[in-house]
Amino acid sequence: MAKNLFDNFVNSLITDIAGKAKTFLNIIMKPNMTIDELAESCSKELDKKIIEEKKKELKYRGGILKFSYKDEKYFTMGYELYFKNKQDKWVKVSADNEQEIEFLNEKSIEELKKKNTIQYDIEEPKEEKANKKEK
């Protein structure tokens, strides 16, 4: 497995150089990440996505970022963002992406196997909240 991780690391460096890194939400996956590190990496990109959607005159109401165990080789990561439009109808913006499980460290792999799904609440971007209070 160590050789496989090393090969994956070398391959990811090569793909980085080629400009085709394995990404989701414009984050670069690195070997041996924890689920928390991965969630933190997604945070800024999700904030950008929320701000982008709000420009379409949608009001952000909440969301989740989730990681799910698929099998010995893969896990999925995805998000669901919920908005209300001007007609007070719900709008869901979501995406899922399959990733190689070897990007996670052993502890995170075991935790994901045990729980099957780990999810985080996605709050409204902080700068957006600050702007609302000032108005």
N, C-alpha and C. Protein backbone atom coordinates (compact mmCIF):
# COMPACT_ATOMS: atom_id res chain seq x y z
N MET A 1 0.82 -1.20 0.00
CA MET A 1 0.00 0.00 0.00
C MET A 1 0.87 1.26 0.00
N ALA A 2 2.01 1.23 0.71
CA ALA A 2 2.89 2.40 0.75
C ALA A 2 3.40 2.72 -0.65
N LYS A 3 3.78 1.68 -1.41
CA LYS A 3 4.23 1.90 -2.78
C LYS A 3 3.11 2.50 -3.61
N ASN A 4 1.90 2.00 -3.42
CA ASN A 4 0.74 2.51 -4.14
C ASN A 4 0.50 3.98 -3.81
N LEU A 5 0.60 4.34 -2.52
CA LEU A 5 0.44 5.74 -2.12
C LEU A 5 1.52 6.60 -2.74
N PHE A 6 2.76 6.09 -2.74
CA PHE A 6 3.85 6.84 -3.34
C PHE A 6 3.60 7.03 -4.83
N ASP A 7 3.18 5.96 -5.51
CA ASP A 7 2.87 6.06 -6.95
C ASP A 7 1.77 7.08 -7.19
N ASN A 8 0.73 7.05 -6.34
CA ASN A 8 -0.36 8.01 -6.48
C ASN A 8 0.14 9.43 -6.26
N PHE A 9 1.03 9.61 -5.28
CA PHE A 9 1.59 10.93 -4.99
C PHE A 9 2.37 11.44 -6.20
N VAL A 10 3.24 10.58 -6.74
CA VAL A 10 4.03 10.96 -7.91
C VAL A 10 3.10 11.29 -9.08
N ASN A 11 2.09 10.45 -9.30
CA ASN A 11 1.13 10.70 -10.38
C ASN A 11 0.39 12.01 -10.16
N SER A 12 0.05 12.31 -8.92
CA SER A 12 -0.67 13.56 -8.66
C SER A 12 0.24 14.76 -8.91
N LEU A 13 1.53 14.63 -8.60
CA LEU A 13 2.47 15.72 -8.90
C LEU A 13 2.56 15.93 -10.40
N ILE A 14 2.62 14.84 -11.14
CA ILE A 14 2.70 14.93 -12.59
C ILE A 14 1.44 15.60 -13.14
N THR A 15 0.28 15.18 -12.62
CA THR A 15 -0.95 15.80 -13.11
C THR A 15 -1.04 17.26 -12.69
N ASP A 16 -0.53 17.59 -11.50
CA ASP A 16 -0.48 19.00 -11.09
C ASP A 16 0.30 19.81 -12.11
N ILE A 17 1.46 19.30 -12.47
CA ILE A 17 2.32 20.00 -13.41
C ILE A 17 1.62 20.15 -14.76
N ALA A 18 0.88 19.14 -15.15
CA ALA A 18 0.17 19.18 -16.42
C ALA A 18 -1.08 20.05 -16.33
N GLY A 19 -1.42 20.52 -15.14
CA GLY A 19 -2.60 21.36 -14.97
C GLY A 19 -3.89 20.59 -14.95
N LYS A 20 -3.82 19.30 -14.68
CA LYS A 20 -5.02 18.46 -14.67
C LYS A 20 -5.16 17.73 -13.35
N ALA A 21 -4.89 18.40 -12.27
CA ALA A 21 -4.94 17.77 -10.95
C ALA A 21 -6.36 17.29 -10.65
N LYS A 22 -6.44 16.25 -9.84
CA LYS A 22 -7.73 15.72 -9.41
C LYS A 22 -8.34 16.74 -8.47
N THR A 23 -9.39 17.39 -8.92
CA THR A 23 -9.98 18.45 -8.11
C THR A 23 -11.48 18.26 -7.96
N PHE A 24 -12.01 18.86 -6.94
CA PHE A 24 -13.44 18.96 -6.69
C PHE A 24 -13.62 20.30 -6.03
N LEU A 25 -14.48 21.13 -6.56
CA LEU A 25 -14.65 22.49 -6.05
C LEU A 25 -13.34 23.27 -6.14
N ASN A 26 -12.53 22.97 -7.11
CA ASN A 26 -11.23 23.63 -7.31
C ASN A 26 -10.24 23.41 -6.17
N ILE A 27 -10.42 22.34 -5.40
CA ILE A 27 -9.43 22.03 -4.37
C ILE A 27 -8.55 20.89 -4.89
N ILE A 28 -7.31 20.92 -4.50
CA ILE A 28 -6.39 19.87 -4.93
C ILE A 28 -6.32 18.82 -3.83
N MET A 29 -6.57 17.59 -4.22
CA MET A 29 -6.51 16.48 -3.29
C MET A 29 -5.06 16.05 -3.12
N LYS A 30 -4.65 15.91 -1.86
CA LYS A 30 -3.30 15.44 -1.57
C LYS A 30 -3.42 14.13 -0.81
N PRO A 31 -2.44 13.25 -0.94
CA PRO A 31 -2.49 11.99 -0.19
C PRO A 31 -2.46 12.23 1.32
N ASN A 32 -3.08 11.30 2.06
CA ASN A 32 -3.01 11.26 3.52
C ASN A 32 -3.77 12.40 4.21
N MET A 33 -4.85 12.85 3.62
CA MET A 33 -5.65 13.92 4.23
C MET A 33 -6.63 13.34 5.24
N THR A 34 -6.98 14.16 6.23
CA THR A 34 -8.08 13.77 7.14
C THR A 34 -9.37 14.31 6.53
N ILE A 35 -10.49 13.77 7.01
CA ILE A 35 -11.80 14.27 6.54
C ILE A 35 -11.94 15.74 6.93
N ASP A 36 -11.49 16.10 8.14
CA ASP A 36 -11.58 17.50 8.58
C ASP A 36 -10.76 18.42 7.67
N GLU A 37 -9.56 17.99 7.29
CA GLU A 37 -8.73 18.80 6.39
C GLU A 37 -9.41 18.97 5.04
N LEU A 38 -10.00 17.90 4.57
CA LEU A 38 -10.69 17.94 3.29
C LEU A 38 -11.90 18.89 3.36
N ALA A 39 -12.64 18.81 4.46
CA ALA A 39 -13.80 19.69 4.65
C ALA A 39 -13.35 21.16 4.71
N GLU A 40 -12.26 21.41 5.42
CA GLU A 40 -11.73 22.77 5.52
C GLU A 40 -11.29 23.28 4.16
N SER A 41 -10.68 22.41 3.36
CA SER A 41 -10.26 22.78 2.01
C SER A 41 -11.45 23.17 1.13
N CYS A 42 -12.57 22.53 1.35
CA CYS A 42 -13.77 22.81 0.56
C CYS A 42 -14.46 24.11 1.00
N SER A 43 -14.21 24.54 2.22
CA SER A 43 -14.95 25.65 2.82
C SER A 43 -14.94 26.94 1.98
N LYS A 44 -13.76 27.40 1.58
CA LYS A 44 -13.67 28.65 0.82
C LYS A 44 -14.34 28.53 -0.54
N GLU A 45 -14.18 27.38 -1.16
CA GLU A 45 -14.80 27.18 -2.47
C GLU A 45 -16.32 27.11 -2.37
N LEU A 46 -16.83 26.52 -1.28
CA LEU A 46 -18.27 26.50 -1.07
C LEU A 46 -18.79 27.92 -0.80
N ASP A 47 -18.02 28.72 -0.06
CA ASP A 47 -18.39 30.12 0.16
C ASP A 47 -18.52 30.84 -1.18
N LYS A 48 -17.56 30.62 -2.07
CA LYS A 48 -17.61 31.25 -3.40
C LYS A 48 -18.85 30.80 -4.17
N LYS A 49 -19.17 29.51 -4.07
CA LYS A 49 -20.33 28.96 -4.76
C LYS A 49 -21.62 29.60 -4.23
N ILE A 50 -21.71 29.75 -2.92
CA ILE A 50 -22.90 30.37 -2.31
C ILE A 50 -23.03 31.81 -2.79
N ILE A 51 -21.94 32.57 -2.76
CA ILE A 51 -21.96 33.96 -3.20
C ILE A 51 -22.36 34.06 -4.67
N GLU A 52 -21.83 33.15 -5.48
CA GLU A 52 -22.17 33.10 -6.91
C GLU A 52 -23.66 32.87 -7.12
N GLU A 53 -24.22 31.93 -6.37
CA GLU A 53 -25.66 31.62 -6.49
C GLU A 53 -26.52 32.77 -5.99
N LYS A 54 -26.07 33.45 -4.94
CA LYS A 54 -26.83 34.57 -4.38
C LYS A 54 -26.93 35.73 -5.37
N LYS A 55 -25.97 35.82 -6.29
CA LYS A 55 -26.02 36.85 -7.32
C LYS A 55 -27.19 36.64 -8.27
N LYS A 56 -27.76 35.43 -8.24
CA LYS A 56 -28.93 35.10 -9.06
C LYS A 56 -30.22 35.42 -8.31
N GLU A 57 -30.10 36.28 -7.31
CA GLU A 57 -31.22 36.72 -6.47
C GLU A 57 -31.85 35.56 -5.69
N LEU A 58 -30.99 34.70 -5.19
CA LEU A 58 -31.42 33.61 -4.32
C LEU A 58 -30.97 33.92 -2.90
N LYS A 59 -31.76 33.50 -1.92
CA LYS A 59 -31.41 33.67 -0.50
C LYS A 59 -30.95 32.33 0.04
N TYR A 60 -29.74 32.33 0.60
CA TYR A 60 -29.17 31.10 1.13
C TYR A 60 -29.87 30.70 2.42
N ARG A 61 -30.22 29.41 2.53
CA ARG A 61 -30.93 28.91 3.70
C ARG A 61 -30.19 27.80 4.45
N GLY A 62 -29.16 27.22 3.83
CA GLY A 62 -28.40 26.18 4.52
C GLY A 62 -27.88 25.15 3.54
N GLY A 63 -27.03 24.26 4.07
CA GLY A 63 -26.49 23.23 3.21
C GLY A 63 -25.65 22.24 3.98
N ILE A 64 -25.23 21.19 3.28
CA ILE A 64 -24.37 20.17 3.89
C ILE A 64 -23.26 19.78 2.92
N LEU A 65 -22.13 19.46 3.51
CA LEU A 65 -21.00 18.87 2.79
C LEU A 65 -20.90 17.45 3.32
N LYS A 66 -20.87 16.47 2.43
CA LYS A 66 -20.86 15.09 2.92
C LYS A 66 -19.82 14.24 2.23
N PHE A 67 -19.31 13.31 2.99
CA PHE A 67 -18.33 12.33 2.54
C PHE A 67 -18.92 10.96 2.82
N SER A 68 -18.95 10.09 1.82
CA SER A 68 -19.56 8.76 1.97
C SER A 68 -18.61 7.67 1.49
N TYR A 69 -18.58 6.60 2.25
CA TYR A 69 -17.77 5.44 1.89
C TYR A 69 -18.47 4.71 0.75
N LYS A 70 -17.72 4.38 -0.31
CA LYS A 70 -18.30 3.62 -1.42
C LYS A 70 -17.81 2.18 -1.40
N ASP A 71 -16.49 2.02 -1.46
CA ASP A 71 -15.90 0.68 -1.41
C ASP A 71 -14.41 0.82 -1.05
N GLU A 72 -13.68 -0.27 -1.16
CA GLU A 72 -12.26 -0.26 -0.76
C GLU A 72 -11.41 0.71 -1.57
N LYS A 73 -11.87 1.12 -2.73
CA LYS A 73 -11.08 2.00 -3.58
C LYS A 73 -11.59 3.44 -3.65
N TYR A 74 -12.89 3.65 -3.38
CA TYR A 74 -13.46 4.98 -3.62
C TYR A 74 -14.36 5.46 -2.48
N PHE A 75 -14.44 6.78 -2.37
CA PHE A 75 -15.44 7.43 -1.53
C PHE A 75 -16.02 8.57 -2.36
N THR A 76 -17.16 9.05 -1.94
CA THR A 76 -17.75 10.19 -2.64
C THR A 76 -17.76 11.39 -1.72
N MET A 77 -17.60 12.54 -2.33
CA MET A 77 -17.75 13.78 -1.58
C MET A 77 -18.73 14.63 -2.38
N GLY A 78 -19.58 15.33 -1.66
CA GLY A 78 -20.57 16.14 -2.35
C GLY A 78 -21.13 17.21 -1.45
N TYR A 79 -21.89 18.10 -2.06
CA TYR A 79 -22.54 19.15 -1.29
C TYR A 79 -23.95 19.36 -1.78
N GLU A 80 -24.77 19.87 -0.88
CA GLU A 80 -26.14 20.28 -1.20
C GLU A 80 -26.33 21.65 -0.58
N LEU A 81 -26.65 22.62 -1.40
CA LEU A 81 -26.91 23.99 -0.95
C LEU A 81 -28.37 24.30 -1.21
N TYR A 82 -29.04 24.90 -0.24
CA TYR A 82 -30.46 25.20 -0.36
C TYR A 82 -30.69 26.71 -0.32
N PHE A 83 -31.48 27.18 -1.27
CA PHE A 83 -31.79 28.60 -1.41
C PHE A 83 -33.30 28.75 -1.58
N LYS A 84 -33.76 29.98 -1.39
CA LYS A 84 -35.14 30.34 -1.72
C LYS A 84 -35.07 31.42 -2.79
N ASN A 85 -35.96 31.31 -3.80
CA ASN A 85 -35.99 32.32 -4.84
C ASN A 85 -37.02 33.40 -4.50
N LYS A 86 -37.20 34.36 -5.41
CA LYS A 86 -38.12 35.47 -5.16
C LYS A 86 -39.57 35.02 -4.97
N GLN A 87 -39.90 33.86 -5.53
CA GLN A 87 -41.26 33.31 -5.39
C GLN A 87 -41.38 32.43 -4.14
N ASP A 88 -40.36 32.46 -3.29
CA ASP A 88 -40.29 31.68 -2.05
C ASP A 88 -40.29 30.17 -2.31
N LYS A 89 -39.79 29.76 -3.47
CA LYS A 89 -39.66 28.34 -3.81
C LYS A 89 -38.23 27.89 -3.51
N TRP A 90 -38.09 26.63 -3.09
CA TRP A 90 -36.78 26.07 -2.77
C TRP A 90 -35.99 25.80 -4.04
N VAL A 91 -34.71 26.11 -3.98
CA VAL A 91 -33.78 25.82 -5.07
C VAL A 91 -32.60 25.06 -4.46
N LYS A 92 -32.32 23.89 -5.03
CA LYS A 92 -31.21 23.07 -4.54
C LYS A 92 -30.08 23.09 -5.57
N VAL A 93 -28.87 23.38 -5.11
CA VAL A 93 -27.68 23.33 -5.94
C VAL A 93 -26.78 22.26 -5.32
N SER A 94 -26.41 21.26 -6.12
CA SER A 94 -25.63 20.15 -5.54
C SER A 94 -24.66 19.57 -6.55
N ALA A 95 -23.71 18.84 -6.03
CA ALA A 95 -22.75 18.11 -6.85
C ALA A 95 -22.16 16.98 -6.02
N ASP A 96 -21.82 15.90 -6.68
CA ASP A 96 -21.14 14.76 -6.07
C ASP A 96 -19.96 14.40 -6.95
N ASN A 97 -18.93 13.88 -6.31
CA ASN A 97 -17.73 13.51 -7.05
C ASN A 97 -17.09 12.30 -6.38
N GLU A 98 -16.73 11.32 -7.17
CA GLU A 98 -16.06 10.13 -6.65
C GLU A 98 -14.56 10.39 -6.58
N GLN A 99 -13.96 9.99 -5.48
CA GLN A 99 -12.52 10.19 -5.27
C GLN A 99 -11.87 8.88 -4.86
N GLU A 100 -10.59 8.76 -5.13
CA GLU A 100 -9.85 7.58 -4.68
C GLU A 100 -9.67 7.66 -3.17
N ILE A 101 -9.96 6.56 -2.50
CA ILE A 101 -9.92 6.56 -1.03
C ILE A 101 -8.49 6.73 -0.50
N GLU A 102 -7.50 6.44 -1.33
CA GLU A 102 -6.11 6.56 -0.88
C GLU A 102 -5.69 8.00 -0.61
N PHE A 103 -6.52 8.98 -0.99
CA PHE A 103 -6.23 10.36 -0.64
C PHE A 103 -6.45 10.60 0.85
N LEU A 104 -7.19 9.71 1.52
CA LEU A 104 -7.47 9.84 2.95
C LEU A 104 -6.44 9.06 3.77
N ASN A 105 -6.21 9.54 5.00
CA ASN A 105 -5.33 8.78 5.89
C ASN A 105 -6.09 7.58 6.45
N GLU A 106 -5.36 6.66 7.05
CA GLU A 106 -5.97 5.40 7.53
C GLU A 106 -7.09 5.64 8.55
N LYS A 107 -6.86 6.57 9.48
CA LYS A 107 -7.86 6.86 10.51
C LYS A 107 -9.16 7.35 9.87
N SER A 108 -9.05 8.23 8.88
CA SER A 108 -10.24 8.75 8.21
C SER A 108 -10.95 7.67 7.40
N ILE A 109 -10.18 6.78 6.78
CA ILE A 109 -10.79 5.67 6.04
C ILE A 109 -11.59 4.79 6.98
N GLU A 110 -11.01 4.45 8.14
CA GLU A 110 -11.70 3.62 9.12
C GLU A 110 -12.96 4.31 9.64
N GLU A 111 -12.85 5.60 9.92
CA GLU A 111 -14.01 6.36 10.41
C GLU A 111 -15.12 6.38 9.37
N LEU A 112 -14.76 6.57 8.11
CA LEU A 112 -15.74 6.61 7.04
C LEU A 112 -16.40 5.24 6.84
N LYS A 113 -15.60 4.17 6.94
CA LYS A 113 -16.15 2.81 6.84
C LYS A 113 -17.17 2.58 7.95
N LYS A 114 -16.81 2.99 9.17
CA LYS A 114 -17.65 2.75 10.34
C LYS A 114 -18.96 3.55 10.26
N LYS A 115 -18.86 4.83 9.92
CA LYS A 115 -20.04 5.70 9.91
C LYS A 115 -20.76 5.72 8.57
N ASN A 116 -20.11 5.28 7.51
CA ASN A 116 -20.61 5.27 6.15
C ASN A 116 -20.72 6.68 5.54
N THR A 117 -21.25 7.64 6.29
CA THR A 117 -21.35 9.03 5.82
C THR A 117 -20.98 9.98 6.95
N ILE A 118 -20.18 10.97 6.62
CA ILE A 118 -19.83 12.04 7.55
C ILE A 118 -20.24 13.34 6.88
N GLN A 119 -20.99 14.15 7.60
CA GLN A 119 -21.41 15.40 6.98
C GLN A 119 -21.21 16.60 7.89
N TYR A 120 -21.06 17.74 7.25
CA TYR A 120 -20.84 19.02 7.93
C TYR A 120 -21.89 20.01 7.45
N ASP A 121 -22.38 20.83 8.37
CA ASP A 121 -23.28 21.91 7.99
C ASP A 121 -22.48 22.99 7.28
N ILE A 122 -23.09 23.60 6.28
CA ILE A 122 -22.45 24.69 5.55
C ILE A 122 -23.17 25.97 5.93
N GLU A 123 -22.45 26.84 6.61
CA GLU A 123 -23.03 28.11 7.03
C GLU A 123 -22.86 29.16 5.93
N GLU A 124 -23.65 30.22 6.04
CA GLU A 124 -23.51 31.33 5.11
C GLU A 124 -22.13 31.95 5.28
N PRO A 125 -21.48 32.35 4.18
CA PRO A 125 -20.14 32.95 4.29
C PRO A 125 -20.13 34.10 5.28
N LYS A 126 -19.10 34.16 6.13
CA LYS A 126 -19.01 35.16 7.20
C LYS A 126 -19.04 36.59 6.68
N GLU A 127 -18.33 36.89 5.58
CA GLU A 127 -18.33 38.26 5.07
C GLU A 127 -19.72 38.67 4.59
N GLU A 128 -20.49 37.70 4.14
CA GLU A 128 -21.86 37.99 3.74
C GLU A 128 -22.72 38.36 4.95
N LYS A 129 -22.54 37.63 6.06
CA LYS A 129 -23.27 37.93 7.27
C LYS A 129 -22.91 39.32 7.80
N ALA A 130 -21.63 39.66 7.77
CA ALA A 130 -21.17 40.96 8.25
C ALA A 130 -21.78 42.09 7.42
N ASN A 131 -21.86 41.89 6.11
CA ASN A 131 -22.45 42.90 5.24
C ASN A 131 -23.93 43.11 5.54
N LYS A 132 -24.64 42.05 5.87
CA LYS A 132 -26.07 42.16 6.21
C LYS A 132 -26.28 43.00 7.47
N LYS A 133 -25.42 42.80 8.48
CA LYS A 133 -25.57 43.50 9.75
C LYS A 133 -25.33 44.99 9.59
N GLU A 134 -24.42 45.36 8.65
CA GLU A 134 -24.10 46.76 8.45
C GLU A 134 -25.23 47.51 7.75
N LYS A 135 -26.04 46.81 6.97
CA LYS A 135 -27.10 47.47 6.20
C LYS A 135 -28.30 47.82 7.02
